[in-house]
Structure formats: C-alpha cells, structure tokens
Amino acid sequence: MTNKEILLASRDQSLKAFLMKRIKDNGGWVNAHMHADRAFTITRESFDVYQKQTLMEKWDTLDRIKAAMTEDDYYRHFSMAVERMIEQGVTAMGSFIDIDPIAQERAIRAALRARENYKKDITIKLVNQTLKGVIDKEARYWFDKGADLVDIIGGLPRRDERDHGAGMGLVHLDVLMQTGKKLGKMVHVHVDQFNSQDEIETEQLTDKTLEHGMHGKVVAIHSISITAHSLEYRQKLYKKMKEAQMMVIACPFAWIDSPRREEQGPTRNSLTPVDELAAAGIPVAIGTDNISDYMLPFSTGNMWEELKLLVTGCRYTDLDNVINVATKNGHLVLGI
C-alpha cells in the first residue's frame, strides 16, 4: 500500500468513521430537542444580549424578537434549521415552538407548514414551549391552545416558580401531567438547568410522573444539576426514575458555557450524566437545543459535535449505547 492508501485506510477505521457509519446504519441521527423557530436569529448587533444577560433575563428579552417576527419569518428560520438537520443525515427531530401571548399562533403555523414541506425528508415532532408559564390566565389560554396543536406537551416549571413564588413550579408540573394524560400525549420538561445543588427539578418531575401515573410518557430535558448532588442522592434518584420509566435528553453544547460557581459539591461539569443514567437503565437521547440564537450564538446545530462533547465530557465509552443515544433513544423520547 502507498502512504496515501495507508492514511486513507486509517482514517476510515477511526472511531468517528465507525460511529457515523453505525448511526447511518441504525436509521440516521435523531435530534431530540431543539428550538427551530428561533434558529439563526442572533446578529452582531444583538450579541450584547448573550454577553450581558442571564438565561432568565433572556426569557423576557426574547419578547421583542418574537413580537417582530411574522409567520413568514418563523417559517424561514424553522426551514433553515430543518435543512441544517437534513444535510447531516438527521431523519427525525423534535422542536419546541413558542406558542404564547407574544408569538401567538405565528410560529406554530409556520412550523406546521414547514413540516408538511419537508415530510418526505424528515420526521418532525412539535412541542409547545411554555416560556410564559401556565399559571397566568393569558399564558394558560395559549398553553391550552398550543397543547391541541402539537404532538408533545412541553414545560418550563422554573418560569412559574420565578414569577409566582415557591411551589408554583409543582403546580406547573401538575398542569402538564393533567394535560398530557387528557390528550394522550407525552410530556417534555426543561429541568435542572443551572448546575446547582439548589435544584431538584428532575426529582420533582419524577415524583409528579409517578403521582399522575404517566410512567414511560415523561422526558426530562437537560437534568444537569443531578451531578451537583451527592452520589447517595443520585443513586436514589436513578432508582425512582427507573420506576417512573423516565427518559432524558442531553443537550451538551447548551450548558457548556455555564458560569463558574463558588458553591461546594462533587467535582463535575455542566453535562447530563449519560454514563450514570445509562448504567441505571434510563434512556438518554441527544439534542442541539438552540441554534445560533440569543441562548447559544455559537452553536451551529452540528450533531457530531454534540455527541463528541457528551461522550468526551462524561468519559462515556460504551460505543453501542453511544449509537443508541444518537438514534434509537431519540425515537423513544419522541414517541416514534
């Protein structure tokens, strides 16, 4: 063999080549969580929002962006995100969609148009984003309206906890569970996003899943703060999650920029603990979350980069299950 042939052979036998081939052989990538309606909305002029504002502050800043977007704007951005997925070999995706007093029905109408347009190329599951919560009267109106239009019920309990006081995140979860049960739909919930031992939202979500009998129908998104707790706490939580047949979606790039903390706790990073969750029998899927927007301006929606970060950051070496994370588990969490 020539030197060139040797180099080419070595490249083709690399771990990346192995994983990419196996992912393709198993039906292609599944992007289990994203916000396609907001994709590619960050600009150089608006970059200061990312520089200066916390996540919670951005929840409100997004209002002026959403208010300015027409249905055609939403369609264009959603379509750009979908095409980004198709070109990578993504065969299924789940996207949260803003359906609230600001976006109203513009984003969901655009998403439904895009789904119809791309239906031969990719399976798209839609989830309602509850960025305004579900407690406020007007927010609840749009939540209920959105619940009928989407495939999966979405939640963000921290919003109502922030706006309406302690314990209202649990009320938020009750509303999600009741709605999911009534409509026969799965529930996807943003939880434990701040990498803090003060957060126990994954446990709260698990408890509500058991309480409402929604076994196997509920998916936690992020669950980063699990690793801020002791090993004893984590092991007890995993047993409970297994009982509830919980599933989890990791979005590695979404929280890798978490700010430094001075609080004490286990040595950790800001990644969903796929190694521990998988060992406990809890399926983990992967998503890109936000793509080039106010939340994640530098994310390009690259599935390989997401998977590489998760595997490397968690030192997760079970390659067979890594393939499941990228494919099979995505189908599970999206109910496909």
Protein backbone atom coordinates (compact mmCIF):
# COMPACT_ATOMS: atom_id res chain seq x y z
CA MET A 1 0.00 0.00 0.00
CA THR A 2 1.12 3.53 -0.67
CA ASN A 3 1.43 6.02 2.17
CA LYS A 4 -1.71 7.72 0.93
CA GLU A 5 -3.63 4.43 0.94
CA ILE A 6 -2.46 3.67 4.48
CA LEU A 7 -3.59 7.09 5.68
CA LEU A 8 -6.97 6.73 4.00
CA ALA A 9 -7.47 3.27 5.49
CA SER A 10 -6.59 4.55 8.95
CA ARG A 11 -8.97 7.44 8.60
CA ASP A 12 -11.82 5.17 7.54
CA GLN A 13 -11.21 3.00 10.60
CA SER A 14 -11.31 5.92 13.04
CA LEU A 15 -13.82 6.00 15.86
CA LYS A 16 -15.67 8.86 14.21
CA ALA A 17 -15.98 6.93 10.96
CA PHE A 18 -17.13 3.85 12.88
CA LEU A 19 -19.78 5.78 14.80
CA MET A 20 -21.01 7.76 11.81
CA LYS A 21 -21.46 4.56 9.80
CA ARG A 22 -23.28 2.79 12.63
CA ILE A 23 -25.52 5.81 13.18
CA LYS A 24 -26.44 5.80 9.49
CA ASP A 25 -26.99 2.03 9.55
CA ASN A 26 -29.35 2.49 12.51
CA GLY A 27 -31.62 4.89 10.68
CA GLY A 28 -29.70 8.14 10.99
CA TRP A 29 -29.37 10.84 13.62
CA VAL A 30 -32.27 11.93 15.80
CA ASN A 31 -32.16 15.47 17.14
CA ALA A 32 -34.48 15.03 20.10
CA HIS A 33 -34.59 18.64 21.29
CA MET A 34 -34.24 21.99 19.55
CA HIS A 35 -35.90 25.38 19.17
CA ALA A 36 -36.05 25.58 15.39
CA ASP A 37 -38.36 28.59 15.29
CA ARG A 38 -35.63 30.75 16.86
CA ALA A 39 -32.70 29.32 14.89
CA PHE A 40 -30.26 31.74 13.26
CA THR A 41 -31.75 34.85 14.86
CA ILE A 42 -28.62 36.20 16.60
CA THR A 43 -26.81 39.11 14.93
CA ARG A 44 -23.61 41.01 15.65
CA GLU A 45 -25.72 43.98 16.72
CA SER A 46 -27.68 41.92 19.24
CA PHE A 47 -24.75 39.88 20.57
CA ASP A 48 -24.66 42.02 23.74
CA VAL A 49 -27.79 40.19 24.94
CA TYR A 50 -25.74 37.00 25.21
CA GLN A 51 -22.81 38.87 26.73
CA LYS A 52 -24.72 40.63 29.48
CA GLN A 53 -27.92 38.78 30.31
CA THR A 54 -28.72 35.66 32.31
CA LEU A 55 -30.98 32.94 30.96
CA MET A 56 -33.96 34.25 32.94
CA GLU A 57 -33.40 37.78 31.67
CA LYS A 58 -33.33 36.44 28.12
CA TRP A 59 -36.75 34.87 28.65
CA ASP A 60 -38.15 38.40 28.71
CA THR A 61 -35.78 39.93 26.15
CA LEU A 62 -36.97 37.37 23.60
CA ASP A 63 -40.38 39.07 23.65
CA ARG A 64 -39.24 41.91 21.44
CA ILE A 65 -37.70 39.49 18.94
CA LYS A 66 -40.78 37.29 18.81
CA ALA A 67 -43.11 40.28 18.52
CA ALA A 68 -41.27 41.48 15.43
CA MET A 69 -41.36 38.12 13.63
CA THR A 70 -44.06 37.38 11.10
CA GLU A 71 -45.29 33.92 10.21
CA ASP A 72 -43.06 34.01 7.14
CA ASP A 73 -40.07 34.96 9.31
CA TYR A 74 -40.75 31.98 11.54
CA TYR A 75 -41.14 29.73 8.51
CA ARG A 76 -37.82 30.86 7.08
CA HIS A 77 -35.89 30.30 10.32
CA PHE A 78 -37.58 26.98 11.03
CA SER A 79 -36.84 25.80 7.49
CA MET A 80 -33.19 26.82 7.78
CA ALA A 81 -32.90 24.66 10.89
CA VAL A 82 -34.65 21.72 9.23
CA GLU A 83 -32.36 21.89 6.21
CA ARG A 84 -29.35 22.02 8.54
CA MET A 85 -30.57 18.73 10.02
CA ILE A 86 -31.31 17.04 6.69
CA GLU A 87 -27.87 17.82 5.29
CA GLN A 88 -26.30 15.98 8.26
CA GLY A 89 -28.42 12.87 7.86
CA VAL A 90 -30.87 13.62 10.66
CA THR A 91 -34.03 11.59 9.97
CA ALA A 92 -36.16 12.74 12.90
CA MET A 93 -36.26 15.84 15.09
CA GLY A 94 -38.28 17.28 17.94
CA SER A 95 -38.68 21.03 18.18
CA PHE A 96 -40.22 23.22 20.84
CA ILE A 97 -42.30 26.05 19.36
CA ASP A 98 -43.19 29.34 21.06
CA ILE A 99 -46.97 29.46 21.47
CA ASP A 100 -47.70 32.27 23.92
CA PRO A 101 -49.20 35.78 24.18
CA ILE A 102 -46.29 37.19 22.14
CA ALA A 103 -45.78 34.65 19.35
CA GLN A 104 -49.44 33.60 19.42
CA GLU A 105 -50.02 31.15 16.51
CA ARG A 106 -47.48 32.59 14.07
CA ALA A 107 -44.64 30.22 14.98
CA ILE A 108 -46.75 27.07 15.14
CA ARG A 109 -48.47 27.81 11.83
CA ALA A 110 -45.05 28.28 10.26
CA ALA A 111 -43.76 25.05 11.81
CA LEU A 112 -46.74 23.09 10.53
CA ARG A 113 -46.17 24.49 7.02
CA ALA A 114 -42.51 23.52 7.18
CA ARG A 115 -43.30 20.04 8.46
CA GLU A 116 -45.60 19.48 5.50
CA ASN A 117 -42.98 20.79 3.09
CA TYR A 118 -40.21 18.52 4.40
CA LYS A 119 -42.28 15.46 5.31
CA LYS A 120 -40.60 13.26 2.68
CA ASP A 121 -37.16 14.05 4.08
CA ILE A 122 -37.51 14.11 7.86
CA THR A 123 -39.97 13.25 10.63
CA ILE A 124 -40.77 16.32 12.75
CA LYS A 125 -42.42 16.24 16.17
CA LEU A 126 -43.60 19.57 17.57
CA VAL A 127 -43.70 20.57 21.25
CA ASN A 128 -45.25 23.70 22.78
CA GLN A 129 -42.79 25.95 24.59
CA THR A 130 -44.23 27.44 27.79
CA LEU A 131 -41.86 30.38 28.08
CA LYS A 132 -44.63 32.38 29.81
CA GLY A 133 -45.58 29.53 32.14
CA VAL A 134 -49.05 28.06 32.58
CA ILE A 135 -50.33 29.90 35.67
CA ASP A 136 -51.02 33.38 34.30
CA LYS A 137 -54.51 33.50 32.73
CA GLU A 138 -53.39 34.63 29.28
CA ALA A 139 -50.40 32.28 29.29
CA ARG A 140 -52.71 29.39 30.20
CA TYR A 141 -55.01 30.26 27.31
CA TRP A 142 -52.13 29.92 24.87
CA PHE A 143 -50.81 26.82 26.59
CA ASP A 144 -54.16 25.09 26.18
CA LYS A 145 -54.44 26.24 22.58
CA GLY A 146 -50.93 25.06 21.83
CA ALA A 147 -51.46 21.70 23.51
CA ASP A 148 -54.05 20.84 20.89
CA LEU A 149 -51.75 21.80 18.01
CA VAL A 150 -48.58 19.93 18.94
CA ASP A 151 -47.51 16.30 19.24
CA ILE A 152 -45.90 16.59 22.68
CA ILE A 153 -46.66 18.78 25.72
CA GLY A 154 -43.75 20.99 26.73
CA GLY A 155 -42.92 22.59 30.07
CA LEU A 156 -40.66 25.03 31.90
CA PRO A 157 -41.59 24.92 35.62
CA ARG A 158 -38.88 27.37 36.62
CA ARG A 159 -40.79 30.17 34.85
CA ASP A 160 -43.82 29.91 37.14
CA GLU A 161 -41.59 29.34 40.15
CA ARG A 162 -39.87 32.63 39.33
CA ASP A 163 -42.98 34.64 38.53
CA HIS A 164 -45.50 33.30 41.03
CA GLY A 165 -43.49 32.08 44.01
CA ALA A 166 -42.25 28.96 45.73
CA GLY A 167 -44.20 25.81 44.94
CA MET A 168 -45.68 27.10 41.70
CA GLY A 169 -43.24 25.01 39.68
CA LEU A 170 -45.00 21.97 41.11
CA VAL A 171 -48.37 23.41 40.10
CA HIS A 172 -46.90 23.91 36.62
CA LEU A 173 -45.95 20.22 36.54
CA ASP A 174 -49.47 19.21 37.60
CA VAL A 175 -50.91 21.15 34.67
CA LEU A 176 -48.50 19.46 32.26
CA MET A 177 -49.28 15.99 33.55
CA GLN A 178 -53.03 16.53 33.56
CA THR A 179 -52.94 17.88 30.03
CA GLY A 180 -50.70 15.13 28.72
CA LYS A 181 -52.88 12.48 30.29
CA LYS A 182 -56.10 14.01 28.97
CA LEU A 183 -54.78 14.35 25.42
CA GLY A 184 -52.80 11.11 25.39
CA LYS A 185 -49.55 12.92 24.66
CA MET A 186 -46.01 12.67 26.00
CA VAL A 187 -44.58 15.42 28.18
CA HIS A 188 -41.13 17.02 27.73
CA VAL A 189 -39.90 19.32 30.51
CA HIS A 190 -36.88 21.61 30.91
CA VAL A 191 -35.43 20.83 34.35
CA ASP A 192 -32.26 21.30 36.42
CA GLN A 193 -30.62 23.71 34.00
CA PHE A 194 -28.39 25.71 36.33
CA ASN A 195 -25.86 23.12 37.55
CA SER A 196 -26.72 23.84 41.17
CA GLN A 197 -27.34 21.71 44.24
CA ASP A 198 -30.26 24.01 44.99
CA GLU A 199 -32.16 22.42 42.11
CA ILE A 200 -34.12 19.19 42.50
CA GLU A 201 -36.41 19.58 39.49
CA THR A 202 -35.62 16.18 37.97
CA GLU A 203 -36.72 14.55 41.22
CA GLN A 204 -39.84 16.71 41.33
CA LEU A 205 -40.66 15.78 37.74
CA THR A 206 -40.15 12.11 38.56
CA ASP A 207 -42.42 12.35 41.60
CA LYS A 208 -45.15 14.02 39.53
CA THR A 209 -44.78 11.34 36.85
CA LEU A 210 -45.42 8.66 39.47
CA GLU A 211 -48.22 10.63 41.12
CA HIS A 212 -50.12 11.09 37.84
CA GLY A 213 -49.45 7.60 36.52
CA MET A 214 -47.55 8.89 33.48
CA HIS A 215 -44.97 6.10 33.52
CA GLY A 216 -42.96 5.98 30.30
CA LYS A 217 -44.54 9.17 28.97
CA VAL A 218 -42.31 11.85 30.52
CA VAL A 219 -38.93 13.14 29.36
CA ALA A 220 -36.56 15.39 31.31
CA ILE A 221 -34.55 17.85 29.23
CA HIS A 222 -31.05 18.73 30.50
CA SER A 223 -31.07 17.43 34.13
CA ILE A 224 -27.61 18.93 34.62
CA SER A 225 -27.97 19.67 38.33
CA ILE A 226 -28.21 15.99 39.16
CA THR A 227 -24.41 15.91 39.28
CA ALA A 228 -24.28 18.76 41.80
CA HIS A 229 -25.68 16.33 44.38
CA SER A 230 -24.04 13.53 46.31
CA LEU A 231 -23.62 10.03 44.93
CA GLU A 232 -26.12 8.76 47.50
CA TYR A 233 -28.75 11.25 46.30
CA ARG A 234 -28.06 10.43 42.66
CA GLN A 235 -28.41 6.69 43.14
CA LYS A 236 -31.72 7.09 44.97
CA LEU A 237 -32.96 9.40 42.22
CA TYR A 238 -31.99 6.97 39.46
CA LYS A 239 -33.96 4.17 41.11
CA LYS A 240 -37.00 6.39 41.29
CA MET A 241 -36.55 7.49 37.67
CA LYS A 242 -36.29 3.86 36.60
CA GLU A 243 -39.56 3.11 38.39
CA ALA A 244 -41.25 6.01 36.57
CA GLN A 245 -39.74 4.85 33.25
CA MET A 246 -38.30 8.31 32.79
CA MET A 247 -36.22 9.30 29.80
CA VAL A 248 -33.73 12.15 29.44
CA ILE A 249 -32.48 14.38 26.62
CA ALA A 250 -28.95 15.75 26.85
CA CYS A 251 -28.02 18.95 25.01
CA PRO A 252 -24.26 19.11 25.68
CA PHE A 253 -23.31 22.37 23.98
CA ALA A 254 -26.25 24.20 25.57
CA TRP A 255 -24.72 24.43 29.03
CA ILE A 256 -21.00 24.04 28.50
CA ASP A 257 -20.77 27.83 28.93
CA SER A 258 -22.24 27.74 32.46
CA PRO A 259 -20.54 30.35 34.65
CA ARG A 260 -18.15 29.37 37.43
CA ARG A 261 -19.63 28.75 40.87
CA GLU A 262 -18.18 29.08 44.34
CA GLU A 263 -20.51 26.56 45.96
CA GLN A 264 -19.08 23.26 47.20
CA GLY A 265 -20.10 19.90 45.83
CA PRO A 266 -18.93 16.93 43.76
CA THR A 267 -16.37 17.71 41.06
CA ARG A 268 -18.47 18.00 37.92
CA ASN A 269 -19.05 19.67 34.59
CA SER A 270 -22.29 21.01 33.12
CA LEU A 271 -23.19 17.89 31.14
CA THR A 272 -26.09 15.50 31.60
CA PRO A 273 -24.58 12.42 33.32
CA VAL A 274 -25.20 9.96 30.49
CA ASP A 275 -22.76 7.47 32.00
CA GLU A 276 -24.66 7.13 35.26
CA LEU A 277 -28.12 7.38 33.71
CA ALA A 278 -27.39 4.69 31.13
CA ALA A 279 -25.93 2.40 33.79
CA ALA A 280 -29.16 2.84 35.75
CA GLY A 281 -31.22 1.78 32.71
CA ILE A 282 -32.53 5.24 31.87
CA PRO A 283 -32.56 6.02 28.12
CA VAL A 284 -30.70 9.20 27.14
CA ALA A 285 -31.17 10.90 23.77
CA ILE A 286 -29.33 13.90 22.37
CA GLY A 287 -30.40 17.29 21.04
CA THR A 288 -28.86 20.52 19.85
CA ASP A 289 -31.19 22.84 21.78
CA ASN A 290 -30.85 26.40 20.46
CA ILE A 291 -29.01 27.06 17.20
CA SER A 292 -27.29 30.42 16.59
CA ASP A 293 -29.73 32.44 18.65
CA TYR A 294 -29.71 34.52 21.84
CA MET A 295 -29.27 31.46 24.02
CA LEU A 296 -26.49 29.78 22.03
CA PRO A 297 -24.97 32.17 19.49
CA PHE A 298 -22.05 29.88 18.61
CA SER A 299 -24.00 26.65 18.17
CA THR A 300 -24.32 25.55 14.55
CA GLY A 301 -26.58 22.58 15.22
CA ASN A 302 -23.82 20.06 14.49
CA MET A 303 -24.92 16.65 15.75
CA TRP A 304 -21.44 15.13 15.69
CA GLU A 305 -20.03 17.96 17.80
CA GLU A 306 -22.84 17.47 20.32
CA LEU A 307 -22.24 13.74 20.58
CA LYS A 308 -18.47 14.18 20.77
CA LEU A 309 -18.80 16.65 23.62
CA LEU A 310 -21.17 14.39 25.56
CA VAL A 311 -19.01 11.28 25.13
CA THR A 312 -15.76 13.08 25.90
CA GLY A 313 -17.09 15.18 28.78
CA CYS A 314 -18.62 12.17 30.51
CA ARG A 315 -15.81 9.78 29.50
CA TYR A 316 -18.56 7.53 28.23
CA THR A 317 -17.03 4.61 26.34
CA ASP A 318 -19.96 2.23 25.76
CA LEU A 319 -19.98 2.72 21.99
CA ASP A 320 -23.04 0.53 21.40
CA ASN A 321 -25.08 2.74 23.70
CA VAL A 322 -23.49 5.89 22.26
CA ILE A 323 -25.08 4.84 18.97
CA ASN A 324 -28.40 4.37 20.77
CA VAL A 325 -28.11 7.88 22.21
CA ALA A 326 -27.82 9.25 18.68
CA THR A 327 -30.54 7.09 17.13
CA LYS A 328 -32.82 4.62 18.91
CA ASN A 329 -33.24 6.61 22.13
CA GLY A 330 -34.26 9.66 20.12
CA HIS A 331 -37.14 7.70 18.68
CA LEU A 332 -38.13 6.61 22.17
CA VAL A 333 -38.28 10.11 23.63
CA LEU A 334 -40.19 11.45 20.62
CA GLY A 335 -42.69 8.60 20.70
CA ILE A 336 -41.76 7.44 17.20
